[in-house]
Amino acid sequence: TRYEQNLVHLIKTLRREFKAPNAPFVCATIGFGGWEMEGHAKTVAEAQLAVSGERGRYPEFTANVKTVETRDFWRPADRSPREQGFHYNQNAETYMLVGEALGRGMMELISR
């Protein structure tokens, strides 16, 4: 329940520590279970989305914090090397898609 608050604190602390008050920050939502996600995982994903500057909850994050949605990248166990329910069932495609989305998010922030 404190994930959003802690993530905001992490971003602000890193910026203060590195003396970079507007450093771009990109976060990926957890995607375990895809769009059927529920319970604590869904709470965390929603908290991750809440810090995105696009949502406007934190005006100081506008144009310098972005959260990318990853639930579309979930691949079920029958399409993955291992059934874990976490770590994306060790699916390399999922890891690649998440990495690409994070990279695109960062490019978007630094090209503004």
PDB file of N, CA and C in Angstrom:
ATOM      1  N   THR A   1       0.814  -1.210   0.000  1.00  0.00           N
ATOM      2  CA  THR A   1       0.000   0.000   0.000  1.00  0.00           C
ATOM      3  C   THR A   1       0.854   1.270   0.000  1.00  0.00           C
ATOM      4  N   ARG A   2       2.103   1.130   0.346  1.00  0.00           N
ATOM      5  CA  ARG A   2       3.001   2.302   0.377  1.00  0.00           C
ATOM      6  C   ARG A   2       3.919   2.373  -0.846  1.00  0.00           C
ATOM      7  N   TYR A   3       3.689   1.512  -1.805  1.00  0.00           N
ATOM      8  CA  TYR A   3       4.589   1.425  -2.962  1.00  0.00           C
ATOM      9  C   TYR A   3       4.702   2.772  -3.679  1.00  0.00           C
ATOM     10  N   GLU A   4       3.584   3.404  -3.958  1.00  0.00           N
ATOM     11  CA  GLU A   4       3.623   4.693  -4.662  1.00  0.00           C
ATOM     12  C   GLU A   4       4.440   5.716  -3.883  1.00  0.00           C
ATOM     13  N   GLN A   5       4.168   5.841  -2.612  1.00  0.00           N
ATOM     14  CA  GLN A   5       4.891   6.783  -1.764  1.00  0.00           C
ATOM     15  C   GLN A   5       6.393   6.474  -1.766  1.00  0.00           C
ATOM     16  N   ASN A   6       6.740   5.203  -1.664  1.00  0.00           N
ATOM     17  CA  ASN A   6       8.150   4.818  -1.652  1.00  0.00           C
ATOM     18  C   ASN A   6       8.828   5.070  -2.998  1.00  0.00           C
ATOM     19  N   LEU A   7       8.109   4.850  -4.094  1.00  0.00           N
ATOM     20  CA  LEU A   7       8.686   5.099  -5.411  1.00  0.00           C
ATOM     21  C   LEU A   7       8.940   6.587  -5.623  1.00  0.00           C
ATOM     22  N   VAL A   8       8.012   7.421  -5.211  1.00  0.00           N
ATOM     23  CA  VAL A   8       8.213   8.875  -5.278  1.00  0.00           C
ATOM     24  C   VAL A   8       9.445   9.256  -4.467  1.00  0.00           C
ATOM     25  N   HIS A   9       9.557   8.700  -3.277  1.00  0.00           N
ATOM     26  CA  HIS A   9      10.711   8.983  -2.408  1.00  0.00           C
ATOM     27  C   HIS A   9      12.015   8.529  -3.077  1.00  0.00           C
ATOM     28  N   LEU A  10      12.014   7.361  -3.708  1.00  0.00           N
ATOM     29  CA  LEU A  10      13.208   6.867  -4.395  1.00  0.00           C
ATOM     30  C   LEU A  10      13.638   7.825  -5.502  1.00  0.00           C
ATOM     31  N   ILE A  11      12.702   8.244  -6.330  1.00  0.00           N
ATOM     32  CA  ILE A  11      13.032   9.146  -7.436  1.00  0.00           C
ATOM     33  C   ILE A  11      13.621  10.447  -6.898  1.00  0.00           C
ATOM     34  N   LYS A  12      12.980  11.019  -5.910  1.00  0.00           N
ATOM     35  CA  LYS A  12      13.464  12.287  -5.344  1.00  0.00           C
ATOM     36  C   LYS A  12      14.825  12.114  -4.678  1.00  0.00           C
ATOM     37  N   THR A  13      15.022  11.003  -3.993  1.00  0.00           N
ATOM     38  CA  THR A  13      16.301  10.748  -3.324  1.00  0.00           C
ATOM     39  C   THR A  13      17.429  10.583  -4.331  1.00  0.00           C
ATOM     40  N   LEU A  14      17.195   9.823  -5.383  1.00  0.00           N
ATOM     41  CA  LEU A  14      18.230   9.651  -6.417  1.00  0.00           C
ATOM     42  C   LEU A  14      18.585  10.993  -7.058  1.00  0.00           C
ATOM     43  N   ARG A  15      17.598  11.783  -7.343  1.00  0.00           N
ATOM     44  CA  ARG A  15      17.856  13.090  -7.952  1.00  0.00           C
ATOM     45  C   ARG A  15      18.644  13.997  -7.012  1.00  0.00           C
ATOM     46  N   ARG A  16      18.285  13.968  -5.757  1.00  0.00           N
ATOM     47  CA  ARG A  16      19.010  14.784  -4.781  1.00  0.00           C
ATOM     48  C   ARG A  16      20.444  14.286  -4.621  1.00  0.00           C
ATOM     49  N   GLU A  17      20.606  12.973  -4.483  1.00  0.00           N
ATOM     50  CA  GLU A  17      21.931  12.374  -4.290  1.00  0.00           C
ATOM     51  C   GLU A  17      22.878  12.698  -5.446  1.00  0.00           C
ATOM     52  N   PHE A  18      22.352  12.672  -6.657  1.00  0.00           N
ATOM     53  CA  PHE A  18      23.189  12.906  -7.835  1.00  0.00           C
ATOM     54  C   PHE A  18      23.107  14.338  -8.347  1.00  0.00           C
ATOM     55  N   LYS A  19      22.482  15.210  -7.548  1.00  0.00           N
ATOM     56  CA  LYS A  19      22.371  16.634  -7.878  1.00  0.00           C
ATOM     57  C   LYS A  19      21.833  16.832  -9.301  1.00  0.00           C
ATOM     58  N   ALA A  20      20.788  16.102  -9.598  1.00  0.00           N
ATOM     59  CA  ALA A  20      20.147  16.160 -10.914  1.00  0.00           C
ATOM     60  C   ALA A  20      18.632  16.251 -10.694  1.00  0.00           C
ATOM     61  N   PRO A  21      18.141  17.445 -10.342  1.00  0.00           N
ATOM     62  CA  PRO A  21      16.746  17.584  -9.913  1.00  0.00           C
ATOM     63  C   PRO A  21      15.690  17.198 -10.951  1.00  0.00           C
ATOM     64  N   ASN A  22      16.049  17.198 -12.209  1.00  0.00           N
ATOM     65  CA  ASN A  22      15.090  16.837 -13.255  1.00  0.00           C
ATOM     66  C   ASN A  22      15.553  15.645 -14.080  1.00  0.00           C
ATOM     67  N   ALA A  23      16.421  14.831 -13.525  1.00  0.00           N
ATOM     68  CA  ALA A  23      16.919  13.671 -14.263  1.00  0.00           C
ATOM     69  C   ALA A  23      15.739  12.828 -14.753  1.00  0.00           C
ATOM     70  N   PRO A  24      15.792  12.380 -16.004  1.00  0.00           N
ATOM     71  CA  PRO A  24      14.706  11.542 -16.506  1.00  0.00           C
ATOM     72  C   PRO A  24      14.691  10.195 -15.791  1.00  0.00           C
ATOM     73  N   PHE A  25      13.494   9.695 -15.544  1.00  0.00           N
ATOM     74  CA  PHE A  25      13.314   8.445 -14.823  1.00  0.00           C
ATOM     75  C   PHE A  25      12.215   7.662 -15.518  1.00  0.00           C
ATOM     76  N   VAL A  26      12.526   6.433 -15.910  1.00  0.00           N
ATOM     77  CA  VAL A  26      11.534   5.581 -16.562  1.00  0.00           C
ATOM     78  C   VAL A  26      11.346   4.328 -15.718  1.00  0.00           C
ATOM     79  N   CYS A  27      10.110   3.973 -15.509  1.00  0.00           N
ATOM     80  CA  CYS A  27       9.735   2.820 -14.702  1.00  0.00           C
ATOM     81  C   CYS A  27       8.839   1.922 -15.547  1.00  0.00           C
ATOM     82  N   ALA A  28       9.001   0.625 -15.401  1.00  0.00           N
ATOM     83  CA  ALA A  28       8.103  -0.329 -16.061  1.00  0.00           C
ATOM     84  C   ALA A  28       7.155  -0.900 -15.016  1.00  0.00           C
ATOM     85  N   THR A  29       5.892  -1.048 -15.380  1.00  0.00           N
ATOM     86  CA  THR A  29       4.981  -1.716 -14.464  1.00  0.00           C
ATOM     87  C   THR A  29       5.354  -3.185 -14.381  1.00  0.00           C
ATOM     88  N   ILE A  30       4.983  -3.820 -13.303  1.00  0.00           N
ATOM     89  CA  ILE A  30       5.088  -5.269 -13.293  1.00  0.00           C
ATOM     90  C   ILE A  30       3.980  -5.783 -14.210  1.00  0.00           C
ATOM     91  N   GLY A  31       4.212  -6.910 -14.836  1.00  0.00           N
ATOM     92  CA  GLY A  31       3.233  -7.420 -15.774  1.00  0.00           C
ATOM     93  C   GLY A  31       2.813  -8.844 -15.509  1.00  0.00           C
ATOM     94  N   PHE A  32       3.157  -9.370 -14.348  1.00  0.00           N
ATOM     95  CA  PHE A  32       2.880 -10.775 -14.044  1.00  0.00           C
ATOM     96  C   PHE A  32       1.389 -11.075 -14.165  1.00  0.00           C
ATOM     97  N   GLY A  33       1.050 -12.013 -15.019  1.00  0.00           N
ATOM     98  CA  GLY A  33      -0.352 -12.368 -15.210  1.00  0.00           C
ATOM     99  C   GLY A  33      -1.056 -11.547 -16.260  1.00  0.00           C
ATOM    100  N   GLY A  34      -0.356 -10.568 -16.835  1.00  0.00           N
ATOM    101  CA  GLY A  34      -0.967  -9.737 -17.865  1.00  0.00           C
ATOM    102  C   GLY A  34      -2.152  -8.953 -17.327  1.00  0.00           C
ATOM    103  N   TRP A  35      -3.178  -8.798 -18.140  1.00  0.00           N
ATOM    104  CA  TRP A  35      -4.341  -7.993 -17.770  1.00  0.00           C
ATOM    105  C   TRP A  35      -5.253  -8.702 -16.782  1.00  0.00           C
ATOM    106  N   GLU A  36      -4.990  -9.975 -16.478  1.00  0.00           N
ATOM    107  CA  GLU A  36      -5.763 -10.672 -15.446  1.00  0.00           C
ATOM    108  C   GLU A  36      -5.155 -10.467 -14.057  1.00  0.00           C
ATOM    109  N   MET A  37      -4.129  -9.658 -13.980  1.00  0.00           N
ATOM    110  CA  MET A  37      -3.451  -9.391 -12.716  1.00  0.00           C
ATOM    111  C   MET A  37      -4.459  -8.919 -11.663  1.00  0.00           C
ATOM    112  N   GLU A  38      -4.225  -9.345 -10.446  1.00  0.00           N
ATOM    113  CA  GLU A  38      -5.100  -8.916  -9.354  1.00  0.00           C
ATOM    114  C   GLU A  38      -4.315  -8.867  -8.054  1.00  0.00           C
ATOM    115  N   GLY A  39      -4.966  -8.453  -7.001  1.00  0.00           N
ATOM    116  CA  GLY A  39      -4.365  -8.435  -5.674  1.00  0.00           C
ATOM    117  C   GLY A  39      -3.210  -7.464  -5.538  1.00  0.00           C
ATOM    118  N   HIS A  40      -2.176  -7.905  -4.804  1.00  0.00           N
ATOM    119  CA  HIS A  40      -1.027  -7.033  -4.523  1.00  0.00           C
ATOM    120  C   HIS A  40      -0.298  -6.619  -5.799  1.00  0.00           C
ATOM    121  N   ALA A  41      -0.207  -7.522  -6.754  1.00  0.00           N
ATOM    122  CA  ALA A  41       0.486  -7.185  -7.996  1.00  0.00           C
ATOM    123  C   ALA A  41      -0.213  -6.024  -8.701  1.00  0.00           C
ATOM    124  N   LYS A  42      -1.528  -6.060  -8.745  1.00  0.00           N
ATOM    125  CA  LYS A  42      -2.282  -4.977  -9.386  1.00  0.00           C
ATOM    126  C   LYS A  42      -2.102  -3.665  -8.624  1.00  0.00           C
ATOM    127  N   THR A  43      -2.070  -3.750  -7.312  1.00  0.00           N
ATOM    128  CA  THR A  43      -1.837  -2.557  -6.490  1.00  0.00           C
ATOM    129  C   THR A  43      -0.484  -1.933  -6.829  1.00  0.00           C
ATOM    130  N   VAL A  44       0.536  -2.765  -6.984  1.00  0.00           N
ATOM    131  CA  VAL A  44       1.875  -2.267  -7.319  1.00  0.00           C
ATOM    132  C   VAL A  44       1.883  -1.658  -8.722  1.00  0.00           C
ATOM    133  N   ALA A  45       1.279  -2.333  -9.690  1.00  0.00           N
ATOM    134  CA  ALA A  45       1.238  -1.797 -11.061  1.00  0.00           C
ATOM    135  C   ALA A  45       0.539  -0.441 -11.089  1.00  0.00           C
ATOM    136  N   GLU A  46      -0.542  -0.313 -10.374  1.00  0.00           N
ATOM    137  CA  GLU A  46      -1.261   0.965 -10.333  1.00  0.00           C
ATOM    138  C   GLU A  46      -0.427   2.056  -9.663  1.00  0.00           C
ATOM    139  N   ALA A  47       0.324   1.684  -8.641  1.00  0.00           N
ATOM    140  CA  ALA A  47       1.213   2.647  -7.984  1.00  0.00           C
ATOM    141  C   ALA A  47       2.321   3.087  -8.930  1.00  0.00           C
ATOM    142  N   GLN A  48       2.850   2.155  -9.705  1.00  0.00           N
ATOM    143  CA  GLN A  48       3.891   2.499 -10.678  1.00  0.00           C
ATOM    144  C   GLN A  48       3.338   3.450 -11.738  1.00  0.00           C
ATOM    145  N   LEU A  49       2.134   3.209 -12.194  1.00  0.00           N
ATOM    146  CA  LEU A  49       1.513   4.100 -13.173  1.00  0.00           C
ATOM    147  C   LEU A  49       1.219   5.477 -12.575  1.00  0.00           C
ATOM    148  N   ALA A  50       0.919   5.527 -11.294  1.00  0.00           N
ATOM    149  CA  ALA A  50       0.554   6.787 -10.644  1.00  0.00           C
ATOM    150  C   ALA A  50       1.690   7.802 -10.611  1.00  0.00           C
ATOM    151  N   VAL A  51       2.933   7.350 -10.665  1.00  0.00           N
ATOM    152  CA  VAL A  51       4.053   8.304 -10.602  1.00  0.00           C
ATOM    153  C   VAL A  51       4.403   8.874 -11.971  1.00  0.00           C
ATOM    154  N   SER A  52       3.836   8.331 -13.031  1.00  0.00           N
ATOM    155  CA  SER A  52       4.149   8.803 -14.377  1.00  0.00           C
ATOM    156  C   SER A  52       3.747  10.268 -14.527  1.00  0.00           C
ATOM    157  N   GLY A  53       4.639  11.067 -15.046  1.00  0.00           N
ATOM    158  CA  GLY A  53       4.368  12.488 -15.247  1.00  0.00           C
ATOM    159  C   GLY A  53       3.168  12.744 -16.136  1.00  0.00           C
ATOM    160  N   GLU A  54       2.826  11.780 -16.962  1.00  0.00           N
ATOM    161  CA  GLU A  54       1.679  11.926 -17.856  1.00  0.00           C
ATOM    162  C   GLU A  54       0.359  11.937 -17.087  1.00  0.00           C
ATOM    163  N   ARG A  55       0.362  11.414 -15.890  1.00  0.00           N
ATOM    164  CA  ARG A  55      -0.875  11.322 -15.101  1.00  0.00           C
ATOM    165  C   ARG A  55      -1.147  12.588 -14.300  1.00  0.00           C
ATOM    166  N   GLY A  56      -0.112  13.395 -14.048  1.00  0.00           N
ATOM    167  CA  GLY A  56      -0.304  14.664 -13.375  1.00  0.00           C
ATOM    168  C   GLY A  56      -0.458  14.628 -11.865  1.00  0.00           C
ATOM    169  N   ARG A  57      -0.267  13.473 -11.249  1.00  0.00           N
ATOM    170  CA  ARG A  57      -0.378  13.416  -9.791  1.00  0.00           C
ATOM    171  C   ARG A  57       0.782  14.113  -9.095  1.00  0.00           C
ATOM    172  N   TYR A  58       1.911  14.131  -9.764  1.00  0.00           N
ATOM    173  CA  TYR A  58       3.114  14.760  -9.213  1.00  0.00           C
ATOM    174  C   TYR A  58       3.607  15.771 -10.234  1.00  0.00           C
ATOM    175  N   PRO A  59       3.213  17.021 -10.093  1.00  0.00           N
ATOM    176  CA  PRO A  59       3.562  18.033 -11.097  1.00  0.00           C
ATOM    177  C   PRO A  59       5.061  18.127 -11.392  1.00  0.00           C
ATOM    178  N   GLU A  60       5.889  17.850 -10.369  1.00  0.00           N
ATOM    179  CA  GLU A  60       7.332  17.927 -10.577  1.00  0.00           C
ATOM    180  C   GLU A  60       7.840  16.797 -11.474  1.00  0.00           C
ATOM    181  N   PHE A  61       7.017  15.788 -11.747  1.00  0.00           N
ATOM    182  CA  PHE A  61       7.401  14.662 -12.605  1.00  0.00           C
ATOM    183  C   PHE A  61       6.933  14.832 -14.049  1.00  0.00           C
ATOM    184  N   THR A  62       6.162  15.893 -14.319  1.00  0.00           N
ATOM    185  CA  THR A  62       5.706  16.133 -15.685  1.00  0.00           C
ATOM    186  C   THR A  62       6.911  16.306 -16.594  1.00  0.00           C
ATOM    187  N   ALA A  63       6.931  15.578 -17.671  1.00  0.00           N
ATOM    188  CA  ALA A  63       7.979  15.656 -18.698  1.00  0.00           C
ATOM    189  C   ALA A  63       9.321  15.066 -18.275  1.00  0.00           C
ATOM    190  N   ASN A  64       9.415  14.458 -17.072  1.00  0.00           N
ATOM    191  CA  ASN A  64      10.694  13.847 -16.714  1.00  0.00           C
ATOM    192  C   ASN A  64      10.560  12.486 -16.017  1.00  0.00           C
ATOM    193  N   VAL A  65       9.332  12.011 -15.811  1.00  0.00           N
ATOM    194  CA  VAL A  65       9.104  10.664 -15.288  1.00  0.00           C
ATOM    195  C   VAL A  65       8.049  10.001 -16.166  1.00  0.00           C
ATOM    196  N   LYS A  66       8.337   8.783 -16.569  1.00  0.00           N
ATOM    197  CA  LYS A  66       7.412   8.041 -17.422  1.00  0.00           C
ATOM    198  C   LYS A  66       7.339   6.600 -16.926  1.00  0.00           C
ATOM    199  N   THR A  67       6.117   6.084 -16.864  1.00  0.00           N
ATOM    200  CA  THR A  67       5.912   4.673 -16.555  1.00  0.00           C
ATOM    201  C   THR A  67       5.403   4.003 -17.819  1.00  0.00           C
ATOM    202  N   VAL A  68       6.031   2.897 -18.183  1.00  0.00           N
ATOM    203  CA  VAL A  68       5.573   2.144 -19.351  1.00  0.00           C
ATOM    204  C   VAL A  68       4.791   0.925 -18.889  1.00  0.00           C
ATOM    205  N   GLU A  69       3.685   0.691 -19.544  1.00  0.00           N
ATOM    206  CA  GLU A  69       2.802  -0.430 -19.240  1.00  0.00           C
ATOM    207  C   GLU A  69       3.370  -1.701 -19.865  1.00  0.00           C
ATOM    208  N   THR A  70       3.488  -2.761 -19.080  1.00  0.00           N
ATOM    209  CA  THR A  70       4.083  -4.001 -19.603  1.00  0.00           C
ATOM    210  C   THR A  70       3.149  -5.201 -19.583  1.00  0.00           C
ATOM    211  N   ARG A  71       1.913  -5.019 -19.162  1.00  0.00           N
ATOM    212  CA  ARG A  71       1.024  -6.178 -19.064  1.00  0.00           C
ATOM    213  C   ARG A  71       0.760  -6.843 -20.416  1.00  0.00           C
ATOM    214  N   ASP A  72       0.856  -6.086 -21.503  1.00  0.00           N
ATOM    215  CA  ASP A  72       0.703  -6.686 -22.837  1.00  0.00           C
ATOM    216  C   ASP A  72       1.833  -7.650 -23.169  1.00  0.00           C
ATOM    217  N   PHE A  73       2.946  -7.537 -22.462  1.00  0.00           N
ATOM    218  CA  PHE A  73       4.120  -8.351 -22.771  1.00  0.00           C
ATOM    219  C   PHE A  73       4.139  -9.691 -22.036  1.00  0.00           C
ATOM    220  N   TRP A  74       3.188  -9.917 -21.163  1.00  0.00           N
ATOM    221  CA  TRP A  74       3.113 -11.181 -20.421  1.00  0.00           C
ATOM    222  C   TRP A  74       2.893 -12.331 -21.392  1.00  0.00           C
ATOM    223  N   ARG A  75       3.678 -13.381 -21.242  1.00  0.00           N
ATOM    224  CA  ARG A  75       3.506 -14.602 -22.024  1.00  0.00           C
ATOM    225  C   ARG A  75       3.219 -15.737 -21.058  1.00  0.00           C
ATOM    226  N   PRO A  76       2.172 -16.499 -21.314  1.00  0.00           N
ATOM    227  CA  PRO A  76       1.810 -17.583 -20.396  1.00  0.00           C
ATOM    228  C   PRO A  76       2.857 -18.695 -20.395  1.00  0.00           C
ATOM    229  N   ALA A  77       2.733 -19.571 -19.423  1.00  0.00           N
ATOM    230  CA  ALA A  77       3.706 -20.657 -19.239  1.00  0.00           C
ATOM    231  C   ALA A  77       3.819 -21.535 -20.475  1.00  0.00           C
ATOM    232  N   ASP A  78       2.719 -21.761 -21.182  1.00  0.00           N
ATOM    233  CA  ASP A  78       2.796 -22.642 -22.354  1.00  0.00           C
ATOM    234  C   ASP A  78       3.544 -22.007 -23.523  1.00  0.00           C
ATOM    235  N   ARG A  79       3.904 -20.737 -23.398  1.00  0.00           N
ATOM    236  CA  ARG A  79       4.712 -20.051 -24.418  1.00  0.00           C
ATOM    237  C   ARG A  79       6.044 -19.596 -23.839  1.00  0.00           C
ATOM    238  N   SER A  80       6.421 -20.176 -22.721  1.00  0.00           N
ATOM    239  CA  SER A  80       7.618 -19.758 -21.995  1.00  0.00           C
ATOM    240  C   SER A  80       8.428 -20.975 -21.567  1.00  0.00           C
ATOM    241  N   PRO A  81       9.716 -20.753 -21.243  1.00  0.00           N
ATOM    242  CA  PRO A  81      10.563 -21.867 -20.829  1.00  0.00           C
ATOM    243  C   PRO A  81      10.183 -22.481 -19.486  1.00  0.00           C
ATOM    244  N   ARG A  82       9.520 -21.715 -18.656  1.00  0.00           N
ATOM    245  CA  ARG A  82       9.293 -22.197 -17.299  1.00  0.00           C
ATOM    246  C   ARG A  82       8.012 -21.598 -16.728  1.00  0.00           C
ATOM    247  N   GLU A  83       7.277 -22.374 -15.978  1.00  0.00           N
ATOM    248  CA  GLU A  83       6.090 -21.845 -15.312  1.00  0.00           C
ATOM    249  C   GLU A  83       6.472 -21.394 -13.918  1.00  0.00           C
ATOM    250  N   GLN A  84       6.488 -20.073 -13.727  1.00  0.00           N
ATOM    251  CA  GLN A  84       6.841 -19.511 -12.429  1.00  0.00           C
ATOM    252  C   GLN A  84       5.742 -18.616 -11.886  1.00  0.00           C
ATOM    253  N   GLY A  85       5.030 -17.937 -12.774  1.00  0.00           N
ATOM    254  CA  GLY A  85       4.055 -16.960 -12.324  1.00  0.00           C
ATOM    255  C   GLY A  85       4.706 -15.629 -11.962  1.00  0.00           C
ATOM    256  N   PHE A  86       6.002 -15.591 -11.983  1.00  0.00           N
ATOM    257  CA  PHE A  86       6.771 -14.373 -11.739  1.00  0.00           C
ATOM    258  C   PHE A  86       7.989 -14.430 -12.641  1.00  0.00           C
ATOM    259  N   HIS A  87       8.816 -13.433 -12.641  1.00  0.00           N
ATOM    260  CA  HIS A  87       9.966 -13.347 -13.548  1.00  0.00           C
ATOM    261  C   HIS A  87       9.554 -13.683 -14.980  1.00  0.00           C
ATOM    262  N   TYR A  88       8.305 -13.354 -15.282  1.00  0.00           N
ATOM    263  CA  TYR A  88       7.773 -13.496 -16.640  1.00  0.00           C
ATOM    264  C   TYR A  88       7.966 -14.891 -17.213  1.00  0.00           C
ATOM    265  N   ASN A  89       7.902 -15.884 -16.338  1.00  0.00           N
ATOM    266  CA  ASN A  89       8.087 -17.285 -16.753  1.00  0.00           C
ATOM    267  C   ASN A  89       9.384 -17.482 -17.536  1.00  0.00           C
ATOM    268  N   GLN A  90      10.353 -16.611 -17.252  1.00  0.00           N
ATOM    269  CA  GLN A  90      11.666 -16.625 -17.921  1.00  0.00           C
ATOM    270  C   GLN A  90      11.542 -16.506 -19.439  1.00  0.00           C
ATOM    271  N   ASN A  91      10.580 -15.731 -19.888  1.00  0.00           N
ATOM    272  CA  ASN A  91      10.334 -15.584 -21.314  1.00  0.00           C
ATOM    273  C   ASN A  91      11.212 -14.471 -21.888  1.00  0.00           C
ATOM    274  N   ALA A  92      12.130 -14.822 -22.762  1.00  0.00           N
ATOM    275  CA  ALA A  92      13.077 -13.854 -23.327  1.00  0.00           C
ATOM    276  C   ALA A  92      12.369 -12.784 -24.153  1.00  0.00           C
ATOM    277  N   GLU A  93      11.292 -13.167 -24.835  1.00  0.00           N
ATOM    278  CA  GLU A  93      10.553 -12.167 -25.620  1.00  0.00           C
ATOM    279  C   GLU A  93      10.009 -11.076 -24.705  1.00  0.00           C
ATOM    280  N   THR A  94       9.482 -11.473 -23.574  1.00  0.00           N
ATOM    281  CA  THR A  94       8.963 -10.494 -22.622  1.00  0.00           C
ATOM    282  C   THR A  94      10.074  -9.563 -22.153  1.00  0.00           C
ATOM    283  N   TYR A  95      11.212 -10.115 -21.781  1.00  0.00           N
ATOM    284  CA  TYR A  95      12.330  -9.279 -21.330  1.00  0.00           C
ATOM    285  C   TYR A  95      12.746  -8.290 -22.422  1.00  0.00           C
ATOM    286  N   MET A  96      12.791  -8.763 -23.668  1.00  0.00           N
ATOM    287  CA  MET A  96      13.169  -7.894 -24.777  1.00  0.00           C
ATOM    288  C   MET A  96      12.136  -6.773 -24.955  1.00  0.00           C
ATOM    289  N   LEU A  97      10.859  -7.110 -24.920  1.00  0.00           N
ATOM    290  CA  LEU A  97       9.813  -6.109 -25.116  1.00  0.00           C
ATOM    291  C   LEU A  97       9.808  -5.068 -23.994  1.00  0.00           C
ATOM    292  N   VAL A  98      10.015  -5.514 -22.776  1.00  0.00           N
ATOM    293  CA  VAL A  98      10.081  -4.579 -21.650  1.00  0.00           C
ATOM    294  C   VAL A  98      11.285  -3.647 -21.821  1.00  0.00           C
ATOM    295  N   GLY A  99      12.433  -4.212 -22.164  1.00  0.00           N
ATOM    296  CA  GLY A  99      13.635  -3.392 -22.369  1.00  0.00           C
ATOM    297  C   GLY A  99      13.458  -2.375 -23.479  1.00  0.00           C
ATOM    298  N   GLU A 100      12.865  -2.796 -24.570  1.00  0.00           N
ATOM    299  CA  GLU A 100      12.615  -1.866 -25.681  1.00  0.00           C
ATOM    300  C   GLU A 100      11.665  -0.747 -25.259  1.00  0.00           C
ATOM    301  N   ALA A 101      10.619  -1.097 -24.516  1.00  0.00           N
ATOM    302  CA  ALA A 101       9.661  -0.087 -24.059  1.00  0.00           C
ATOM    303  C   ALA A 101      10.327   0.915 -23.118  1.00  0.00           C
ATOM    304  N   LEU A 102      11.193   0.417 -22.237  1.00  0.00           N
ATOM    305  CA  LEU A 102      11.924   1.323 -21.352  1.00  0.00           C
ATOM    306  C   LEU A 102      12.844   2.241 -22.147  1.00  0.00           C
ATOM    307  N   GLY A 103      13.533   1.681 -23.128  1.00  0.00           N
ATOM    308  CA  GLY A 103      14.418   2.495 -23.965  1.00  0.00           C
ATOM    309  C   GLY A 103      13.653   3.562 -24.728  1.00  0.00           C
ATOM    310  N   ARG A 104      12.501   3.185 -25.299  1.00  0.00           N
ATOM    311  CA  ARG A 104      11.675   4.171 -26.015  1.00  0.00           C
ATOM    312  C   ARG A 104      11.183   5.263 -25.060  1.00  0.00           C
ATOM    313  N   GLY A 105      10.822   4.844 -23.849  1.00  0.00           N
ATOM    314  CA  GLY A 105      10.383   5.821 -22.857  1.00  0.00           C
ATOM    315  C   GLY A 105      11.469   6.816 -22.514  1.00  0.00           C
ATOM    316  N   MET A 106      12.689   6.320 -22.338  1.00  0.00           N
ATOM    317  CA  MET A 106      13.808   7.219 -22.033  1.00  0.00           C
ATOM    318  C   MET A 106      14.101   8.137 -23.212  1.00  0.00           C
ATOM    319  N   MET A 107      14.078   7.596 -24.408  1.00  0.00           N
ATOM    320  CA  MET A 107      14.317   8.434 -25.596  1.00  0.00           C
ATOM    321  C   MET A 107      13.269   9.548 -25.686  1.00  0.00           C
ATOM    322  N   GLU A 108      12.046   9.217 -25.362  1.00  0.00           N
ATOM    323  CA  GLU A 108      10.983  10.208 -25.385  1.00  0.00           C
ATOM    324  C   GLU A 108      11.266  11.334 -24.377  1.00  0.00           C
ATOM    325  N   LEU A 109      11.695  10.944 -23.197  1.00  0.00           N
ATOM    326  CA  LEU A 109      11.974  11.952 -22.167  1.00  0.00           C
ATOM    327  C   LEU A 109      13.174  12.834 -22.516  1.00  0.00           C
ATOM    328  N   ILE A 110      14.244  12.226 -23.010  1.00  0.00           N
ATOM    329  CA  ILE A 110      15.444  13.039 -23.261  1.00  0.00           C
ATOM    330  C   ILE A 110      15.382  13.822 -24.562  1.00  0.00           C
ATOM    331  N   SER A 111      14.407  13.524 -25.415  1.00  0.00           N
ATOM    332  CA  SER A 111      14.302  14.275 -26.671  1.00  0.00           C
ATOM    333  C   SER A 111      13.343  15.451 -26.559  1.00  0.00           C
ATOM    334  N   ARG A 112      12.800  15.689 -25.373  1.00  0.00           N
ATOM    335  CA  ARG A 112      11.882  16.828 -25.178  1.00  0.00           C
ATOM    336  C   ARG A 112      12.625  18.110 -25.048  1.00  0.00           C
TER     337      ARG A 112
END
